[in-house]
């Protein structure tokens, strides 16, 4: 993160789909908090790919986990823009520490062994992130209402990771297998999100892009905007 780059700039650069979804958050304070959350997710997600061995990854993830635990304990935040933003946010820092803990799985080499392991991983990462974002946007948001959407988005992300040469999916899963599972999760999401408050919908809106991504198609920013706008306007994925 450059000295002149804001957290909003950072998330726009490294996580453009979630950033686009935050443009539909009307409340500036809530939007800033969610941007800080997505900034944390980026910092955690990039650890495994940015270290030469698991020990270095453990050190970095522990740094983030302990930074959140210190906030929970009432200590001054560490001198890092993202830590300071999260310390000033409405998020429970203990829940943020759990996000860091979930990323230790990323340090294990090789693919996840089966569908149960894949879904558990997604629930602890993309799923937990979506729950935190949704409940920040509306405290009445039901965590179960985001599950299918988060799983569809997480599966599409793991497929993109595999396409980039670093697979966490089971070795025998083909693109057709992943597409089938994404469609199943989107089908579940269509009924689940009906119970999601309107204000919380931007937390799951990126799932509207999952089908295209798992089909191997990269979208331009205009198409993404149109898909996200339609999803938010209709409350459908």
C-alpha atoms as a PDB file:
ATOM      1  CA  UNK A   1       0.000   0.000   0.000  1.00  0.00           C
ATOM      2  CA  UNK A   2       1.605   3.260  -1.178  1.00  0.00           C
ATOM      3  CA  UNK A   3       1.853   6.228   1.182  1.00  0.00           C
ATOM      4  CA  UNK A   4      -0.652   8.194  -0.910  1.00  0.00           C
ATOM      5  CA  UNK A   5      -3.060   5.264  -1.388  1.00  0.00           C
ATOM      6  CA  UNK A   6      -6.185   5.221   0.767  1.00  0.00           C
ATOM      7  CA  UNK A   7      -7.858   1.998   1.912  1.00  0.00           C
ATOM      8  CA  UNK A   8     -10.606   2.678  -0.602  1.00  0.00           C
ATOM      9  CA  UNK A   9      -7.979   2.991  -3.350  1.00  0.00           C
ATOM     10  CA  UNK A  10      -6.330  -0.238  -2.196  1.00  0.00           C
ATOM     11  CA  UNK A  11      -9.540  -2.277  -2.220  1.00  0.00           C
ATOM     12  CA  UNK A  12     -10.496  -0.840  -5.606  1.00  0.00           C
ATOM     13  CA  UNK A  13      -7.145  -2.049  -6.970  1.00  0.00           C
ATOM     14  CA  UNK A  14      -6.913  -5.502  -5.365  1.00  0.00           C
ATOM     15  CA  UNK A  15     -10.565  -6.512  -4.929  1.00  0.00           C
ATOM     16  CA  UNK A  16     -12.476  -4.569  -7.602  1.00  0.00           C
ATOM     17  CA  UNK A  17     -15.615  -6.702  -7.502  1.00  0.00           C
ATOM     18  CA  UNK A  18     -16.236  -6.266  -3.798  1.00  0.00           C
ATOM     19  CA  UNK A  19     -15.246  -2.605  -4.149  1.00  0.00           C
ATOM     20  CA  UNK A  20     -17.910  -2.117  -6.838  1.00  0.00           C
ATOM     21  CA  UNK A  21     -20.478  -3.701  -4.533  1.00  0.00           C
ATOM     22  CA  UNK A  22     -19.611  -1.210  -1.779  1.00  0.00           C
ATOM     23  CA  UNK A  23     -20.709   1.632  -4.066  1.00  0.00           C
ATOM     24  CA  UNK A  24     -24.273   0.537  -3.295  1.00  0.00           C
ATOM     25  CA  UNK A  25     -23.809   1.146   0.447  1.00  0.00           C
ATOM     26  CA  UNK A  26     -25.557   4.430   1.151  1.00  0.00           C
ATOM     27  CA  UNK A  27     -24.210   5.118   4.638  1.00  0.00           C
ATOM     28  CA  UNK A  28     -20.646   6.535   4.407  1.00  0.00           C
ATOM     29  CA  UNK A  29     -19.584   5.213   7.824  1.00  0.00           C
ATOM     30  CA  UNK A  30     -20.831   1.712   7.046  1.00  0.00           C
ATOM     31  CA  UNK A  31     -19.152   1.821   3.634  1.00  0.00           C
ATOM     32  CA  UNK A  32     -15.840   2.856   5.200  1.00  0.00           C
ATOM     33  CA  UNK A  33     -16.073   0.030   7.721  1.00  0.00           C
ATOM     34  CA  UNK A  34     -16.783  -2.564   5.020  1.00  0.00           C
ATOM     35  CA  UNK A  35     -13.897  -1.237   2.942  1.00  0.00           C
ATOM     36  CA  UNK A  36     -11.621  -1.695   5.971  1.00  0.00           C
ATOM     37  CA  UNK A  37     -12.949  -5.244   6.351  1.00  0.00           C
ATOM     38  CA  UNK A  38     -12.179  -6.024   2.713  1.00  0.00           C
ATOM     39  CA  UNK A  39      -8.749  -4.487   3.151  1.00  0.00           C
ATOM     40  CA  UNK A  40      -8.108  -6.908   6.002  1.00  0.00           C
ATOM     41  CA  UNK A  41      -9.302  -9.801   3.850  1.00  0.00           C
ATOM     42  CA  UNK A  42      -6.783  -8.818   1.177  1.00  0.00           C
ATOM     43  CA  UNK A  43      -3.947  -8.667   3.699  1.00  0.00           C
ATOM     44  CA  UNK A  44      -4.842 -12.118   5.029  1.00  0.00           C
ATOM     45  CA  UNK A  45      -5.491 -13.749   1.653  1.00  0.00           C
ATOM     46  CA  UNK A  46      -2.190 -12.640   0.156  1.00  0.00           C
ATOM     47  CA  UNK A  47      -0.012 -14.047   2.924  1.00  0.00           C
ATOM     48  CA  UNK A  48       0.266 -17.603   1.583  1.00  0.00           C
ATOM     49  CA  UNK A  49       1.267 -16.486  -1.892  1.00  0.00           C
ATOM     50  CA  UNK A  50       3.782 -13.942  -0.629  1.00  0.00           C
ATOM     51  CA  UNK A  51       6.002 -16.086   1.602  1.00  0.00           C
ATOM     52  CA  UNK A  52       8.652 -18.661   0.819  1.00  0.00           C
ATOM     53  CA  UNK A  53       7.728 -21.046   3.632  1.00  0.00           C
ATOM     54  CA  UNK A  54       4.891 -21.821   6.034  1.00  0.00           C
ATOM     55  CA  UNK A  55       6.732 -20.430   9.070  1.00  0.00           C
ATOM     56  CA  UNK A  56       6.915 -16.950   7.558  1.00  0.00           C
ATOM     57  CA  UNK A  57       3.227 -17.195   6.743  1.00  0.00           C
ATOM     58  CA  UNK A  58       2.418 -18.175  10.310  1.00  0.00           C
ATOM     59  CA  UNK A  59       4.344 -15.154  11.591  1.00  0.00           C
ATOM     60  CA  UNK A  60       2.427 -12.757   9.332  1.00  0.00           C
ATOM     61  CA  UNK A  61      -0.984 -14.215  10.082  1.00  0.00           C
ATOM     62  CA  UNK A  62      -0.199 -14.232  13.799  1.00  0.00           C
ATOM     63  CA  UNK A  63       0.696 -10.544  13.523  1.00  0.00           C
ATOM     64  CA  UNK A  64      -2.768  -9.771  12.154  1.00  0.00           C
ATOM     65  CA  UNK A  65      -4.560 -12.015  14.616  1.00  0.00           C
ATOM     66  CA  UNK A  66      -2.742 -10.481  17.574  1.00  0.00           C
ATOM     67  CA  UNK A  67      -3.387  -6.969  16.241  1.00  0.00           C
ATOM     68  CA  UNK A  68      -7.123  -7.697  16.357  1.00  0.00           C
ATOM     69  CA  UNK A  69      -6.863  -9.332  19.781  1.00  0.00           C
ATOM     70  CA  UNK A  70      -5.074  -6.245  21.124  1.00  0.00           C
ATOM     71  CA  UNK A  71      -7.927  -4.043  19.920  1.00  0.00           C
ATOM     72  CA  UNK A  72     -10.364  -6.374  21.675  1.00  0.00           C
ATOM     73  CA  UNK A  73      -8.316  -6.030  24.842  1.00  0.00           C
ATOM     74  CA  UNK A  74      -8.564  -2.238  24.686  1.00  0.00           C
ATOM     75  CA  UNK A  75      -4.955  -1.611  23.666  1.00  0.00           C
ATOM     76  CA  UNK A  76      -3.989   1.137  21.213  1.00  0.00           C
ATOM     77  CA  UNK A  77      -4.067  -0.113  17.609  1.00  0.00           C
ATOM     78  CA  UNK A  78      -0.830  -0.944  15.863  1.00  0.00           C
ATOM     79  CA  UNK A  79       0.498   1.682  13.463  1.00  0.00           C
ATOM     80  CA  UNK A  80      -0.986   0.324  10.279  1.00  0.00           C
ATOM     81  CA  UNK A  81      -3.742   2.097   8.293  1.00  0.00           C
ATOM     82  CA  UNK A  82      -5.924  -0.995   8.089  1.00  0.00           C
ATOM     83  CA  UNK A  83      -5.525  -1.852  11.768  1.00  0.00           C
ATOM     84  CA  UNK A  84      -6.326   1.720  12.764  1.00  0.00           C
ATOM     85  CA  UNK A  85      -9.414   1.766  10.521  1.00  0.00           C
ATOM     86  CA  UNK A  86     -10.681  -1.485  11.998  1.00  0.00           C
ATOM     87  CA  UNK A  87     -10.034  -0.243  15.525  1.00  0.00           C
ATOM     88  CA  UNK A  88     -12.299   2.727  14.752  1.00  0.00           C
ATOM     89  CA  UNK A  89     -14.944   0.553  13.077  1.00  0.00           C
ATOM     90  CA  UNK A  90     -18.066  -1.065  14.498  1.00  0.00           C
ATOM     91  CA  UNK A  91     -16.734  -4.601  13.948  1.00  0.00           C
ATOM     92  CA  UNK A  92     -16.099  -6.981  16.827  1.00  0.00           C
ATOM     93  CA  UNK A  93     -12.290  -7.363  16.792  1.00  0.00           C
ATOM     94  CA  UNK A  94     -12.607 -10.892  18.144  1.00  0.00           C
ATOM     95  CA  UNK A  95     -14.523 -11.838  14.990  1.00  0.00           C
ATOM     96  CA  UNK A  96     -11.763 -10.240  12.922  1.00  0.00           C
ATOM     97  CA  UNK A  97      -9.179 -12.325  14.779  1.00  0.00           C
ATOM     98  CA  UNK A  98     -11.147 -15.425  13.791  1.00  0.00           C
ATOM     99  CA  UNK A  99     -10.839 -14.360  10.137  1.00  0.00           C
ATOM    100  CA  UNK A 100      -7.072 -14.334  10.540  1.00  0.00           C
ATOM    101  CA  UNK A 101      -7.103 -17.730  12.229  1.00  0.00           C
ATOM    102  CA  UNK A 102      -9.084 -19.236   9.352  1.00  0.00           C
ATOM    103  CA  UNK A 103      -6.344 -18.274   6.919  1.00  0.00           C
ATOM    104  CA  UNK A 104      -3.772 -20.590   8.488  1.00  0.00           C
ATOM    105  CA  UNK A 105      -5.300 -23.294   6.283  1.00  0.00           C
ATOM    106  CA  UNK A 106      -3.877 -21.406   3.283  1.00  0.00           C
ATOM    107  CA  UNK A 107      -0.380 -22.373   4.419  1.00  0.00           C
ATOM    108  CA  UNK A 108      -1.059 -26.067   3.893  1.00  0.00           C
ATOM    109  CA  UNK A 109       0.287 -27.240   0.562  1.00  0.00           C
ATOM    110  CA  UNK A 110      -1.889 -29.093  -1.890  1.00  0.00           C
ATOM    111  CA  UNK A 111      -5.608 -29.224  -2.575  1.00  0.00           C
ATOM    112  CA  UNK A 112      -8.370 -29.598  -0.028  1.00  0.00           C
ATOM    113  CA  UNK A 113      -9.365 -33.250   0.216  1.00  0.00           C
ATOM    114  CA  UNK A 114     -13.089 -33.219  -0.505  1.00  0.00           C
ATOM    115  CA  UNK A 115     -16.256 -31.140  -0.855  1.00  0.00           C
ATOM    116  CA  UNK A 116     -16.794 -30.939   2.905  1.00  0.00           C
ATOM    117  CA  UNK A 117     -13.308 -29.480   3.351  1.00  0.00           C
ATOM    118  CA  UNK A 118     -13.855 -27.002   0.508  1.00  0.00           C
ATOM    119  CA  UNK A 119     -17.151 -25.749   1.927  1.00  0.00           C
ATOM    120  CA  UNK A 120     -15.718 -25.529   5.454  1.00  0.00           C
ATOM    121  CA  UNK A 121     -12.854 -23.446   4.102  1.00  0.00           C
ATOM    122  CA  UNK A 122     -15.187 -21.133   2.185  1.00  0.00           C
ATOM    123  CA  UNK A 123     -17.532 -20.771   5.162  1.00  0.00           C
ATOM    124  CA  UNK A 124     -14.603 -19.697   7.332  1.00  0.00           C
ATOM    125  CA  UNK A 125     -13.225 -17.186   4.837  1.00  0.00           C
ATOM    126  CA  UNK A 126     -15.600 -15.754   2.205  1.00  0.00           C
ATOM    127  CA  UNK A 127     -18.601 -16.841   4.258  1.00  0.00           C
ATOM    128  CA  UNK A 128     -17.451 -15.264   7.508  1.00  0.00           C
ATOM    129  CA  UNK A 129     -16.504 -12.118   5.608  1.00  0.00           C
ATOM    130  CA  UNK A 130     -19.971 -11.862   4.050  1.00  0.00           C
ATOM    131  CA  UNK A 131     -21.646 -12.361   7.432  1.00  0.00           C
ATOM    132  CA  UNK A 132     -19.586  -9.578   9.016  1.00  0.00           C
ATOM    133  CA  UNK A 133     -20.294  -7.207   6.120  1.00  0.00           C
ATOM    134  CA  UNK A 134     -24.015  -7.989   6.071  1.00  0.00           C
ATOM    135  CA  UNK A 135     -24.435  -7.513   9.808  1.00  0.00           C
ATOM    136  CA  UNK A 136     -22.503  -4.248   9.697  1.00  0.00           C
ATOM    137  CA  UNK A 137     -24.913  -3.003   7.036  1.00  0.00           C
ATOM    138  CA  UNK A 138     -27.949  -4.225   8.988  1.00  0.00           C
ATOM    139  CA  UNK A 139     -27.573  -5.825  12.432  1.00  0.00           C
ATOM    140  CA  UNK A 140     -30.756  -7.799  11.777  1.00  0.00           C
ATOM    141  CA  UNK A 141     -29.147  -9.688   8.873  1.00  0.00           C
ATOM    142  CA  UNK A 142     -29.411 -13.456   9.314  1.00  0.00           C
ATOM    143  CA  UNK A 143     -26.038 -15.195   8.809  1.00  0.00           C
ATOM    144  CA  UNK A 144     -27.808 -18.083   7.081  1.00  0.00           C
ATOM    145  CA  UNK A 145     -29.126 -15.701   4.421  1.00  0.00           C
ATOM    146  CA  UNK A 146     -25.642 -15.163   2.977  1.00  0.00           C
ATOM    147  CA  UNK A 147     -24.396 -18.780   3.003  1.00  0.00           C
ATOM    148  CA  UNK A 148     -25.260 -19.864  -0.534  1.00  0.00           C
ATOM    149  CA  UNK A 149     -24.130 -16.588  -2.076  1.00  0.00           C
ATOM    150  CA  UNK A 150     -20.818 -16.677  -0.224  1.00  0.00           C
ATOM    151  CA  UNK A 151     -20.259 -20.305  -1.201  1.00  0.00           C
ATOM    152  CA  UNK A 152     -20.961 -19.584  -4.881  1.00  0.00           C
ATOM    153  CA  UNK A 153     -18.564 -16.634  -4.790  1.00  0.00           C
ATOM    154  CA  UNK A 154     -15.943 -18.628  -2.914  1.00  0.00           C
ATOM    155  CA  UNK A 155     -16.132 -21.547  -5.346  1.00  0.00           C
ATOM    156  CA  UNK A 156     -15.716 -19.230  -8.307  1.00  0.00           C
ATOM    157  CA  UNK A 157     -12.719 -17.666  -6.581  1.00  0.00           C
ATOM    158  CA  UNK A 158     -11.103 -21.043  -6.018  1.00  0.00           C
ATOM    159  CA  UNK A 159     -11.656 -21.896  -9.680  1.00  0.00           C
ATOM    160  CA  UNK A 160      -9.955 -18.651 -10.718  1.00  0.00           C
ATOM    161  CA  UNK A 161      -7.095 -19.491  -8.369  1.00  0.00           C
ATOM    162  CA  UNK A 162      -6.744 -22.885 -10.031  1.00  0.00           C
ATOM    163  CA  UNK A 163      -6.760 -21.243 -13.455  1.00  0.00           C
ATOM    164  CA  UNK A 164      -3.904 -19.059 -12.229  1.00  0.00           C
ATOM    165  CA  UNK A 165      -1.887 -22.149 -11.322  1.00  0.00           C
ATOM    166  CA  UNK A 166      -2.511 -22.558  -7.599  1.00  0.00           C
ATOM    167  CA  UNK A 167      -5.290 -25.033  -6.910  1.00  0.00           C
ATOM    168  CA  UNK A 168      -6.949 -25.692  -3.560  1.00  0.00           C
ATOM    169  CA  UNK A 169      -9.794 -27.635  -5.145  1.00  0.00           C
ATOM    170  CA  UNK A 170      -9.833 -31.459  -5.017  1.00  0.00           C
ATOM    171  CA  UNK A 171      -7.639 -32.879  -7.769  1.00  0.00           C
ATOM    172  CA  UNK A 172     -10.468 -34.688  -9.535  1.00  0.00           C
ATOM    173  CA  UNK A 173     -12.771 -31.647  -9.803  1.00  0.00           C
ATOM    174  CA  UNK A 174     -13.243 -30.462 -13.369  1.00  0.00           C
ATOM    175  CA  UNK A 175     -14.583 -27.099 -14.485  1.00  0.00           C
ATOM    176  CA  UNK A 176     -17.947 -28.772 -15.036  1.00  0.00           C
ATOM    177  CA  UNK A 177     -17.898 -30.026 -11.428  1.00  0.00           C
ATOM    178  CA  UNK A 178     -17.251 -26.530 -10.110  1.00  0.00           C
ATOM    179  CA  UNK A 179     -19.906 -24.987 -12.378  1.00  0.00           C
ATOM    180  CA  UNK A 180     -22.446 -27.519 -11.119  1.00  0.00           C
ATOM    181  CA  UNK A 181     -21.648 -26.680  -7.502  1.00  0.00           C
ATOM    182  CA  UNK A 182     -21.789 -22.929  -8.153  1.00  0.00           C
ATOM    183  CA  UNK A 183     -25.216 -23.325  -9.757  1.00  0.00           C
ATOM    184  CA  UNK A 184     -26.424 -25.361  -6.762  1.00  0.00           C
ATOM    185  CA  UNK A 185     -25.251 -22.688  -4.344  1.00  0.00           C
ATOM    186  CA  UNK A 186     -26.801 -19.897  -6.407  1.00  0.00           C
ATOM    187  CA  UNK A 187     -30.080 -21.814  -6.417  1.00  0.00           C
ATOM    188  CA  UNK A 188     -29.923 -22.009  -2.608  1.00  0.00           C
ATOM    189  CA  UNK A 189     -28.967 -18.344  -2.431  1.00  0.00           C
ATOM    190  CA  UNK A 190     -31.976 -17.215  -4.446  1.00  0.00           C
ATOM    191  CA  UNK A 191     -34.295 -18.313  -1.675  1.00  0.00           C
ATOM    192  CA  UNK A 192     -31.947 -17.438   1.192  1.00  0.00           C
ATOM    193  CA  UNK A 193     -31.421 -13.792   0.205  1.00  0.00           C
ATOM    194  CA  UNK A 194     -35.153 -13.136   0.270  1.00  0.00           C
ATOM    195  CA  UNK A 195     -34.751 -12.855   4.019  1.00  0.00           C
ATOM    196  CA  UNK A 196     -31.805 -10.485   3.757  1.00  0.00           C
ATOM    197  CA  UNK A 197     -32.499  -6.808   4.571  1.00  0.00           C
ATOM    198  CA  UNK A 198     -32.172  -4.544   1.544  1.00  0.00           C
ATOM    199  CA  UNK A 199     -29.365  -2.556   3.171  1.00  0.00           C
ATOM    200  CA  UNK A 200     -27.302  -5.732   3.622  1.00  0.00           C
ATOM    201  CA  UNK A 201     -27.557  -6.941   0.021  1.00  0.00           C
ATOM    202  CA  UNK A 202     -24.232  -5.397  -1.137  1.00  0.00           C
ATOM    203  CA  UNK A 203     -22.500  -7.955   1.097  1.00  0.00           C
ATOM    204  CA  UNK A 204     -23.629 -10.768  -1.215  1.00  0.00           C
ATOM    205  CA  UNK A 205     -23.927  -8.890  -4.521  1.00  0.00           C
ATOM    206  CA  UNK A 206     -20.553 -10.088  -5.924  1.00  0.00           C
ATOM    207  CA  UNK A 207     -22.049 -13.584  -6.184  1.00  0.00           C
ATOM    208  CA  UNK A 208     -23.929 -12.256  -9.214  1.00  0.00           C
ATOM    209  CA  UNK A 209     -20.589 -12.512 -11.052  1.00  0.00           C
ATOM    210  CA  UNK A 210     -19.790 -16.089  -9.975  1.00  0.00           C
ATOM    211  CA  UNK A 211     -21.433 -17.855 -12.903  1.00  0.00           C
ATOM    212  CA  UNK A 212     -19.450 -15.876 -15.471  1.00  0.00           C
ATOM    213  CA  UNK A 213     -16.164 -16.370 -13.643  1.00  0.00           C
ATOM    214  CA  UNK A 214     -16.530 -20.120 -13.276  1.00  0.00           C
ATOM    215  CA  UNK A 215     -17.300 -20.296 -16.994  1.00  0.00           C
ATOM    216  CA  UNK A 216     -13.844 -18.853 -17.570  1.00  0.00           C
ATOM    217  CA  UNK A 217     -15.029 -15.488 -18.852  1.00  0.00           C
ATOM    218  CA  UNK A 218     -13.463 -12.241 -17.722  1.00  0.00           C
ATOM    219  CA  UNK A 219     -15.866  -9.312 -17.654  1.00  0.00           C
ATOM    220  CA  UNK A 220     -15.227  -5.657 -18.286  1.00  0.00           C
ATOM    221  CA  UNK A 221     -16.022  -3.117 -15.599  1.00  0.00           C
ATOM    222  CA  UNK A 222     -19.174  -1.929 -17.385  1.00  0.00           C
ATOM    223  CA  UNK A 223     -20.639  -5.436 -17.496  1.00  0.00           C
ATOM    224  CA  UNK A 224     -19.792  -5.962 -13.838  1.00  0.00           C
ATOM    225  CA  UNK A 225     -21.490  -2.699 -12.921  1.00  0.00           C
ATOM    226  CA  UNK A 226     -24.601  -3.682 -14.854  1.00  0.00           C
ATOM    227  CA  UNK A 227     -24.769  -7.137 -13.256  1.00  0.00           C
ATOM    228  CA  UNK A 228     -24.253  -5.771  -9.763  1.00  0.00           C
ATOM    229  CA  UNK A 229     -26.744  -2.946 -10.295  1.00  0.00           C
ATOM    230  CA  UNK A 230     -29.366  -5.423 -11.485  1.00  0.00           C
ATOM    231  CA  UNK A 231     -28.681  -7.734  -8.547  1.00  0.00           C
ATOM    232  CA  UNK A 232     -28.970  -4.957  -5.970  1.00  0.00           C
ATOM    233  CA  UNK A 233     -32.030  -3.391  -7.637  1.00  0.00           C
ATOM    234  CA  UNK A 234     -33.923  -6.692  -7.818  1.00  0.00           C
ATOM    235  CA  UNK A 235     -32.511  -8.428  -4.752  1.00  0.00           C
ATOM    236  CA  UNK A 236     -31.732 -11.453  -6.930  1.00  0.00           C
ATOM    237  CA  UNK A 237     -28.488 -13.233  -7.833  1.00  0.00           C
END
